[in-house]
Amino acid sequence: MSPTTEDTTPIQGFEPAETDTEAAGEWQPVSDRKIRIGIAGQGVCGFGAAFHFQHHPNVIVAAVADLDPDKRAALATACRCETTYESCEDLIGDDTLEAVFIATDAPSHARLAIAALKAGKHVASAVPAVFGSLEDADALYQAYRGSDRQYMMFETSYFHDDLYRMREMYRSGALGKVIYAEGEYWHYFGTPLAAHGAWRTGLPPQWYPTHSNAYYVGVTGGSFTEVSCMGYPSPIEHLQAQNNHFGNPFGTEIAMFRTSEGGMARMGVSWDTPGVGGEMGRLRTEKGTFYGDFKSGQPDDEPPPVITRPPLPPGVDAGGHGGSHGQLMSEFVEALLQERTPLVDIAQSLNMTVSGIVAHESALRGGELLKIPQYSL
C-alpha cells in the first residue's frame, strides 16, 4: 500500500512500480546469514516500511522506533516486529542490532547516523545525508572513518531504470567521459506536506539535491567541484521567506556545476512549478547522448545493449520511486553480507548532498561561483 496524503492521493514518488516476479526465480542468495536490523522512523511517507527490509530472506527486523505511538505501532505491524522503542536513540542503543535504517525527518539524519556508527552499527539512511550543514557533513565523514561499519544513503535515482543503464554503460566504457549532465527533481507543493517540525515547508530546494545530482554522481562516481546557482523567489505564499523557518526565499534553484571530469552539469530542484514532476536526467558524452535511450550519433547506430536491474528476492517488491526501493534495500543487505562497500557509499552520499548546500549559498549570493568540499573513501 502506498503512503498517501490526507486526500488519499499517493505522495509523489511512492506510486509502486510493477515487480518482476518472474525475475525473482533468478535471484541467488549470497549467504544464509540473517542480519538483525532496526528501523528508526515511520514518518508521514511511511518510509520505514516502504523499502521492504521485512521481506528480505536475509533480514530480521528486530526493532522499530517512532516518536508517535500510532506511527510506531503501524511500523511494528508492517514489519512484523514485536520490539518497539519510543525514541530512535533508544533503538540505536540496542546491542542486539547489527544495522539501522534511518527513515526519520531529514534534519535528524546526520545526528542519528553518527550515533549509530559510534555505537558500532552499519547505517542506511534516507536522503539527504545531512541537512544544510557542512559541519555535520564533516562530522558524519569522521564518524564513518573512525568506525569499521558501512554507510549507505538510499538515493532512489541510482536504481531508476535509465540511470542504472547509464551507470553500467559508463563503467563499460561505452559512454566515455561525460561532457554535460542534467538532473531535475520537480515536486510541486501547492499545499504544505505534513512533516515532523514542518521541515519540508519552505526547505531550500538545493538542500534536497540528491535526486537530481545522482544523474551525474550516480553514473560516474565523480563529484562536483564548484557551483554557480540561481534562485527564483516562490510565488506560493507558504513557501515564501517570511512564512518558513529557514528564511528561504526560493522555491526553485538551478545550479550549474563543474564536474570532477572537467565537464559541466545543470541540476535543478523546484517546489513551485506545477506540471510534470519527478526525478529525471540526461547525459551528453564523448560517444553520444542518453535522453531516455543512448544514441551514438553515428549513421550505423545500433540499439543500446539490453541492461536490466538485478533480480529481487522472492517476496520483495520493487516499490516506489521508479522501482528503486527494493533494489536499494537489497544492495545494502548484500553489501553487509559480502563485507564490501555499498554502491552509494559515504563519499558519493556526501558529495551529492554537500554540493547542494553550497549551491544554495551561491543562490543567496546572487550566483557567486563557489568551491565545493570534496569527500573520498
Protein backbone atom coordinates (compact mmCIF):
# COMPACT_ATOMS: atom_id res chain seq x y z
CA MET A 1 0.00 0.00 0.00
CA SER A 2 1.41 3.42 -0.98
CA PRO A 3 1.72 6.26 1.53
CA THR A 4 -0.89 8.95 0.87
CA THR A 5 -1.79 12.49 1.72
CA GLU A 6 -4.96 13.19 3.70
CA ASP A 7 -6.97 13.29 0.44
CA THR A 8 -5.78 9.71 -0.32
CA THR A 9 -3.64 10.85 -3.26
CA PRO A 10 -0.35 8.90 -3.33
CA ILE A 11 2.61 11.09 -2.36
CA GLN A 12 4.75 11.79 -5.42
CA GLY A 13 7.35 9.08 -5.88
CA PHE A 14 5.53 6.43 -3.88
CA GLU A 15 3.46 5.12 -6.76
CA PRO A 16 4.52 1.44 -6.76
CA ALA A 17 6.34 0.14 -9.81
CA GLU A 18 5.45 -3.24 -11.23
CA THR A 19 7.52 -6.01 -9.66
CA ASP A 20 9.10 -8.54 -12.00
CA THR A 21 8.02 -11.68 -10.19
CA GLU A 22 9.49 -13.95 -12.87
CA ALA A 23 12.96 -12.47 -12.33
CA ALA A 24 12.74 -13.49 -8.66
CA GLY A 25 13.36 -17.03 -9.81
CA GLU A 26 16.82 -15.92 -10.97
CA TRP A 27 17.78 -14.44 -7.60
CA GLN A 28 20.56 -16.28 -5.81
CA PRO A 29 21.35 -15.71 -2.12
CA VAL A 30 24.93 -14.69 -1.33
CA SER A 31 24.72 -16.04 2.22
CA ASP A 32 22.42 -17.88 4.58
CA ARG A 33 23.20 -15.41 7.39
CA LYS A 34 20.44 -13.18 8.77
CA ILE A 35 21.08 -9.56 9.71
CA ARG A 36 19.24 -8.02 12.66
CA ILE A 37 18.14 -4.56 11.59
CA GLY A 38 16.36 -1.77 13.45
CA ILE A 39 14.17 0.74 11.62
CA ALA A 40 14.20 4.26 13.01
CA GLY A 41 11.13 6.22 11.94
CA GLN A 42 7.86 5.65 10.10
CA GLY A 43 7.04 9.24 9.21
CA VAL A 44 4.38 10.83 7.03
CA CYS A 45 5.57 8.92 3.96
CA GLY A 46 5.63 5.53 5.66
CA PHE A 47 9.30 5.37 4.73
CA GLY A 48 10.32 2.93 7.43
CA ALA A 49 8.44 0.00 5.91
CA ALA A 50 8.48 1.20 2.29
CA PHE A 51 11.88 -0.32 1.43
CA HIS A 52 10.78 -3.86 2.31
CA PHE A 53 13.52 -4.88 4.76
CA GLN A 54 10.87 -7.03 6.41
CA HIS A 55 10.53 -9.17 3.26
CA HIS A 56 14.20 -9.91 2.58
CA PRO A 57 15.09 -13.53 3.43
CA ASN A 58 18.41 -12.46 4.99
CA VAL A 59 16.89 -9.83 7.29
CA ILE A 60 15.18 -9.85 10.67
CA VAL A 61 13.59 -6.51 11.51
CA ALA A 62 14.32 -6.85 15.20
CA ALA A 63 13.24 -3.42 16.48
CA VAL A 64 11.41 -0.30 15.32
CA ALA A 65 11.06 3.22 16.72
CA ASP A 66 8.98 6.35 16.20
CA LEU A 67 8.15 9.27 18.47
CA ASP A 68 4.46 8.99 17.58
CA PRO A 69 2.85 5.94 19.26
CA ASP A 70 0.37 5.38 16.41
CA LYS A 71 3.09 5.50 13.76
CA ARG A 72 5.29 3.29 15.93
CA ALA A 73 2.52 0.70 16.13
CA ALA A 74 1.87 0.89 12.39
CA LEU A 75 5.58 0.39 11.66
CA ALA A 76 5.76 -2.58 14.03
CA THR A 77 2.74 -4.19 12.36
CA ALA A 78 4.08 -3.62 8.85
CA CYS A 79 7.46 -5.10 9.79
CA ARG A 80 6.05 -7.95 11.90
CA CYS A 81 8.21 -6.73 14.76
CA GLU A 82 7.47 -7.09 18.48
CA THR A 83 10.23 -4.88 19.91
CA THR A 84 9.49 -1.15 19.80
CA TYR A 85 11.24 1.91 21.16
CA GLU A 86 9.85 5.35 21.90
CA SER A 87 12.94 7.07 20.53
CA CYS A 88 15.46 6.37 17.80
CA GLU A 89 18.26 6.94 20.30
CA ASP A 90 16.95 4.06 22.41
CA LEU A 91 16.80 1.84 19.32
CA ILE A 92 20.39 2.70 18.43
CA GLY A 93 21.38 1.65 21.94
CA ASP A 94 20.03 -1.89 21.37
CA ASP A 95 23.18 -4.04 21.31
CA THR A 96 21.39 -6.90 19.56
CA LEU A 97 21.11 -4.90 16.33
CA GLU A 98 23.77 -5.08 13.60
CA ALA A 99 22.39 -2.30 11.41
CA VAL A 100 19.96 0.62 11.48
CA PHE A 101 17.83 2.16 8.73
CA ILE A 102 17.26 5.85 9.46
CA ALA A 103 13.94 6.88 7.94
CA THR A 104 13.23 9.92 10.12
CA ASP A 105 12.83 13.60 9.26
CA ALA A 106 15.81 14.89 7.26
CA PRO A 107 17.15 17.23 9.99
CA SER A 108 17.76 14.13 12.15
CA HIS A 109 19.62 12.02 9.59
CA ALA A 110 23.19 13.10 10.34
CA ARG A 111 22.79 13.11 14.12
CA LEU A 112 21.31 9.62 14.22
CA ALA A 113 23.74 8.22 11.63
CA ILE A 114 26.70 9.50 13.65
CA ALA A 115 25.26 7.99 16.84
CA ALA A 116 24.66 4.64 15.12
CA LEU A 117 28.17 4.49 13.64
CA LYS A 118 29.67 5.30 17.03
CA ALA A 119 27.50 2.55 18.54
CA GLY A 120 29.10 0.06 16.14
CA LYS A 121 26.18 -0.32 13.72
CA HIS A 122 26.01 -0.29 9.95
CA VAL A 123 23.86 2.58 8.69
CA ALA A 124 21.40 3.00 5.86
CA SER A 125 19.85 6.45 5.66
CA ALA A 126 17.11 8.14 3.71
CA VAL A 127 18.17 11.24 1.77
CA PRO A 128 19.82 13.66 2.21
CA ALA A 129 22.86 12.51 4.18
CA VAL A 130 23.00 15.81 6.09
CA PHE A 131 20.62 18.75 6.27
CA GLY A 132 22.08 22.09 5.23
CA SER A 133 25.21 21.82 7.37
CA LEU A 134 28.80 21.48 6.15
CA GLU A 135 29.87 20.91 9.75
CA ASP A 136 27.51 17.93 10.04
CA ALA A 137 28.92 16.57 6.79
CA ASP A 138 32.44 16.63 8.19
CA ALA A 139 31.25 15.07 11.46
CA LEU A 140 29.47 12.24 9.65
CA TYR A 141 32.53 11.62 7.48
CA GLN A 142 34.78 11.46 10.53
CA ALA A 143 32.37 9.12 12.34
CA TYR A 144 32.49 6.79 9.34
CA ARG A 145 36.27 6.97 9.06
CA GLY A 146 36.56 6.23 12.77
CA SER A 147 34.43 3.10 12.58
CA ASP A 148 34.65 -0.25 10.82
CA ARG A 149 30.99 -0.07 9.76
CA GLN A 150 29.36 0.62 6.40
CA TYR A 151 27.19 3.60 5.45
CA MET A 152 24.78 3.86 2.52
CA MET A 153 22.38 6.64 1.56
CA PHE A 154 19.23 5.36 -0.14
CA GLU A 155 19.26 7.67 -3.15
CA THR A 156 16.38 6.42 -5.26
CA SER A 157 17.63 7.75 -8.61
CA TYR A 158 20.53 5.26 -8.51
CA PHE A 159 18.12 2.47 -9.40
CA HIS A 160 15.89 4.26 -11.86
CA ASP A 161 15.93 2.16 -15.00
CA ASP A 162 17.59 4.89 -17.10
CA LEU A 163 20.28 5.83 -14.56
CA TYR A 164 21.09 2.18 -13.91
CA ARG A 165 21.71 1.70 -17.64
CA MET A 166 23.76 4.91 -17.81
CA ARG A 167 25.98 3.72 -14.96
CA GLU A 168 26.55 0.26 -16.45
CA MET A 169 27.39 1.75 -19.85
CA TYR A 170 29.72 4.32 -18.28
CA ARG A 171 31.53 1.62 -16.34
CA SER A 172 31.96 -0.45 -19.50
CA GLY A 173 33.48 2.49 -21.37
CA ALA A 174 30.56 2.76 -23.78
CA LEU A 175 29.94 6.43 -22.95
CA GLY A 176 33.44 7.85 -22.46
CA LYS A 177 33.68 11.00 -20.37
CA VAL A 178 30.51 12.87 -19.51
CA ILE A 179 30.75 16.32 -21.10
CA TYR A 180 27.37 17.58 -19.89
CA ALA A 181 24.80 16.16 -17.49
CA GLU A 182 21.34 17.34 -16.49
CA GLY A 183 19.30 16.29 -13.49
CA GLU A 184 15.96 17.53 -12.25
CA TYR A 185 13.76 16.99 -9.24
CA TRP A 186 10.34 18.60 -9.62
CA HIS A 187 7.97 18.19 -6.66
CA TYR A 188 5.11 20.67 -6.57
CA PHE A 189 3.96 21.75 -3.12
CA GLY A 190 0.81 23.74 -3.81
CA THR A 191 -0.15 22.94 -0.23
CA PRO A 192 2.21 22.00 2.61
CA LEU A 193 3.10 18.36 3.12
CA ALA A 194 2.73 17.30 6.74
CA ALA A 195 6.17 16.54 8.15
CA HIS A 196 7.82 16.46 11.57
CA GLY A 197 8.68 20.02 12.58
CA ALA A 198 7.42 21.31 9.20
CA TRP A 199 10.86 20.58 7.77
CA ARG A 200 9.51 20.24 4.21
CA THR A 201 7.77 23.64 4.17
CA GLY A 202 9.98 26.28 2.56
CA LEU A 203 13.00 23.97 2.53
CA PRO A 204 15.80 25.45 0.37
CA PRO A 205 15.47 23.34 -2.80
CA GLN A 206 19.19 22.64 -3.10
CA TRP A 207 19.27 21.28 0.45
CA TYR A 208 17.39 18.31 -1.03
CA PRO A 209 19.57 17.82 -4.11
CA THR A 210 20.42 14.15 -4.35
CA HIS A 211 17.54 13.02 -6.60
CA SER A 212 18.88 15.31 -9.32
CA ASN A 213 22.62 15.25 -8.53
CA ALA A 214 22.58 11.47 -8.85
CA TYR A 215 22.29 11.91 -12.62
CA TYR A 216 25.99 12.69 -12.60
CA VAL A 217 27.42 11.34 -9.34
CA GLY A 218 25.41 8.11 -9.57
CA VAL A 219 26.56 7.50 -13.14
CA THR A 220 30.27 8.25 -12.82
CA GLY A 221 31.04 8.03 -9.10
CA GLY A 222 32.55 11.51 -9.52
CA SER A 223 31.74 14.79 -7.81
CA PHE A 224 31.08 18.48 -8.35
CA THR A 225 33.98 20.83 -7.67
CA GLU A 226 32.42 24.32 -7.97
CA VAL A 227 29.00 25.84 -8.49
CA SER A 228 27.08 28.91 -9.54
CA CYS A 229 23.37 28.75 -8.66
CA MET A 230 20.38 30.95 -9.39
CA GLY A 231 17.19 31.02 -7.30
CA TYR A 232 13.68 32.20 -8.12
CA PRO A 233 11.51 33.68 -5.36
CA SER A 234 8.48 31.47 -4.82
CA PRO A 235 5.06 32.79 -5.85
CA ILE A 236 3.43 30.34 -3.40
CA GLU A 237 2.64 32.04 -0.10
CA HIS A 238 3.54 29.24 2.31
CA LEU A 239 6.93 28.81 0.61
CA GLN A 240 7.96 32.45 0.92
CA ALA A 241 10.76 33.54 3.25
CA GLN A 242 8.54 35.21 5.82
CA ASN A 243 6.43 32.05 6.10
CA ASN A 244 9.11 29.38 6.57
CA HIS A 245 11.52 28.93 9.44
CA PHE A 246 14.51 28.68 7.10
CA GLY A 247 14.13 32.27 5.92
CA ASN A 248 14.48 30.78 2.44
CA PRO A 249 13.15 32.96 -0.39
CA PHE A 250 13.47 30.44 -3.21
CA GLY A 251 11.04 27.82 -4.46
CA THR A 252 13.22 26.88 -7.43
CA GLU A 253 17.02 26.70 -7.60
CA ILE A 254 19.03 25.84 -10.72
CA ALA A 255 22.71 25.02 -10.21
CA MET A 256 25.50 24.92 -12.80
CA PHE A 257 28.33 22.69 -11.62
CA ARG A 258 31.85 21.93 -12.80
CA THR A 259 32.41 18.17 -12.56
CA SER A 260 35.45 16.25 -11.41
CA GLU A 261 35.93 15.10 -15.02
CA GLY A 262 36.17 18.71 -16.15
CA GLY A 263 32.69 18.68 -17.66
CA MET A 264 29.54 20.58 -16.74
CA ALA A 265 26.23 19.73 -15.11
CA ARG A 266 22.96 21.60 -14.68
CA MET A 267 20.95 20.39 -11.71
CA GLY A 268 17.54 21.81 -10.80
CA VAL A 269 15.24 21.38 -7.81
CA SER A 270 11.82 23.00 -7.58
CA TRP A 271 8.83 23.05 -5.24
CA ASP A 272 6.63 25.58 -7.04
CA THR A 273 6.39 24.72 -10.74
CA PRO A 274 3.26 22.67 -11.48
CA GLY A 275 3.16 20.16 -14.31
CA VAL A 276 5.33 17.13 -14.94
CA GLY A 277 7.01 16.04 -11.71
CA GLY A 278 9.56 13.50 -10.59
CA GLU A 279 13.25 12.70 -10.88
CA MET A 280 14.83 12.68 -14.32
CA GLY A 281 18.11 13.28 -16.12
CA ARG A 282 20.06 13.24 -19.36
CA LEU A 283 23.68 12.94 -20.50
CA ARG A 284 25.82 14.14 -23.37
CA THR A 285 29.09 12.23 -23.54
CA GLU A 286 32.15 11.80 -25.73
CA LYS A 287 30.42 8.92 -27.53
CA GLY A 288 26.82 10.08 -27.73
CA THR A 289 23.74 11.18 -25.87
CA PHE A 290 21.48 9.47 -23.35
CA TYR A 291 18.00 11.00 -23.44
CA GLY A 292 15.93 8.02 -22.38
CA ASP A 293 17.93 5.75 -24.71
CA PHE A 294 21.54 6.00 -25.78
CA LYS A 295 22.22 7.36 -29.26
CA SER A 296 25.78 7.41 -30.58
CA GLY A 297 25.03 9.89 -33.34
CA GLN A 298 26.60 7.66 -35.97
CA PRO A 299 24.74 6.62 -39.14
CA ASP A 300 25.06 2.94 -38.27
CA ASP A 301 23.51 3.34 -34.82
CA GLU A 302 22.75 0.03 -33.17
CA PRO A 303 20.14 -0.32 -30.44
CA PRO A 304 21.59 0.18 -26.95
CA PRO A 305 22.51 -3.00 -25.12
CA VAL A 306 19.80 -4.64 -23.04
CA ILE A 307 20.66 -3.87 -19.43
CA THR A 308 18.30 -4.89 -16.66
CA ARG A 309 18.44 -4.31 -12.93
CA PRO A 310 19.34 -7.24 -10.65
CA PRO A 311 16.54 -9.64 -9.73
CA LEU A 312 14.97 -9.09 -6.33
CA PRO A 313 14.46 -11.84 -3.78
CA PRO A 314 11.08 -13.58 -3.88
CA GLY A 315 8.56 -11.54 -1.92
CA VAL A 316 10.45 -8.24 -2.20
CA ASP A 317 8.53 -5.62 -4.18
CA ALA A 318 10.26 -3.13 -6.43
CA GLY A 319 8.36 -0.38 -4.62
CA GLY A 320 8.22 3.32 -5.37
CA HIS A 321 10.49 5.92 -6.94
CA GLY A 322 10.79 4.07 -10.22
CA GLY A 323 11.04 0.65 -8.62
CA SER A 324 14.16 1.61 -6.65
CA HIS A 325 13.08 0.82 -3.09
CA GLY A 326 13.62 -2.93 -3.19
CA GLN A 327 16.86 -2.53 -5.15
CA LEU A 328 18.41 -0.12 -2.65
CA MET A 329 17.49 -2.30 0.31
CA SER A 330 18.81 -5.44 -1.39
CA GLU A 331 22.08 -3.71 -2.32
CA PHE A 332 22.64 -2.62 1.28
CA VAL A 333 21.88 -6.06 2.68
CA GLU A 334 24.12 -7.84 0.18
CA ALA A 335 26.95 -5.38 0.83
CA LEU A 336 26.84 -6.28 4.52
CA LEU A 337 26.67 -10.00 3.81
CA GLN A 338 29.59 -9.78 1.38
CA GLU A 339 31.57 -7.41 3.63
CA ARG A 340 32.02 -4.85 0.85
CA THR A 341 31.41 -1.16 0.34
CA PRO A 342 27.81 -0.49 -0.78
CA LEU A 343 27.02 1.21 -4.08
CA VAL A 344 26.00 4.60 -2.63
CA ASP A 345 28.98 4.91 -0.32
CA ILE A 346 29.80 7.63 2.19
CA ALA A 347 31.82 9.67 -0.32
CA GLN A 348 29.15 9.69 -3.01
CA SER A 349 26.45 10.36 -0.42
CA LEU A 350 28.25 13.43 0.92
CA ASN A 351 29.41 14.68 -2.48
CA MET A 352 25.81 14.60 -3.75
CA THR A 353 24.48 16.34 -0.64
CA VAL A 354 27.13 18.95 0.15
CA SER A 355 27.20 20.27 -3.42
CA GLY A 356 23.57 21.30 -2.95
CA ILE A 357 24.28 23.05 0.35
CA VAL A 358 26.97 25.14 -1.36
CA ALA A 359 24.66 25.71 -4.34
CA HIS A 360 22.02 27.28 -2.07
CA GLU A 361 24.66 29.55 -0.57
CA SER A 362 25.62 30.58 -4.10
CA ALA A 363 21.98 31.41 -4.87
CA LEU A 364 21.78 33.59 -1.76
CA ARG A 365 24.87 35.43 -3.07
CA GLY A 366 23.32 36.07 -6.48
CA GLY A 367 25.06 33.21 -8.29
CA GLU A 368 28.60 33.69 -6.97
CA LEU A 369 30.94 30.89 -8.09
CA LEU A 370 31.86 28.82 -5.00
CA LYS A 371 34.20 25.89 -4.36
CA ILE A 372 32.69 22.65 -3.04
CA PRO A 373 34.31 20.44 -0.35
CA GLN A 374 35.32 17.00 -1.60
CA TYR A 375 34.98 13.59 0.09
CA SER A 376 36.63 10.30 -0.82
CA LEU A 377 36.84 6.77 0.53
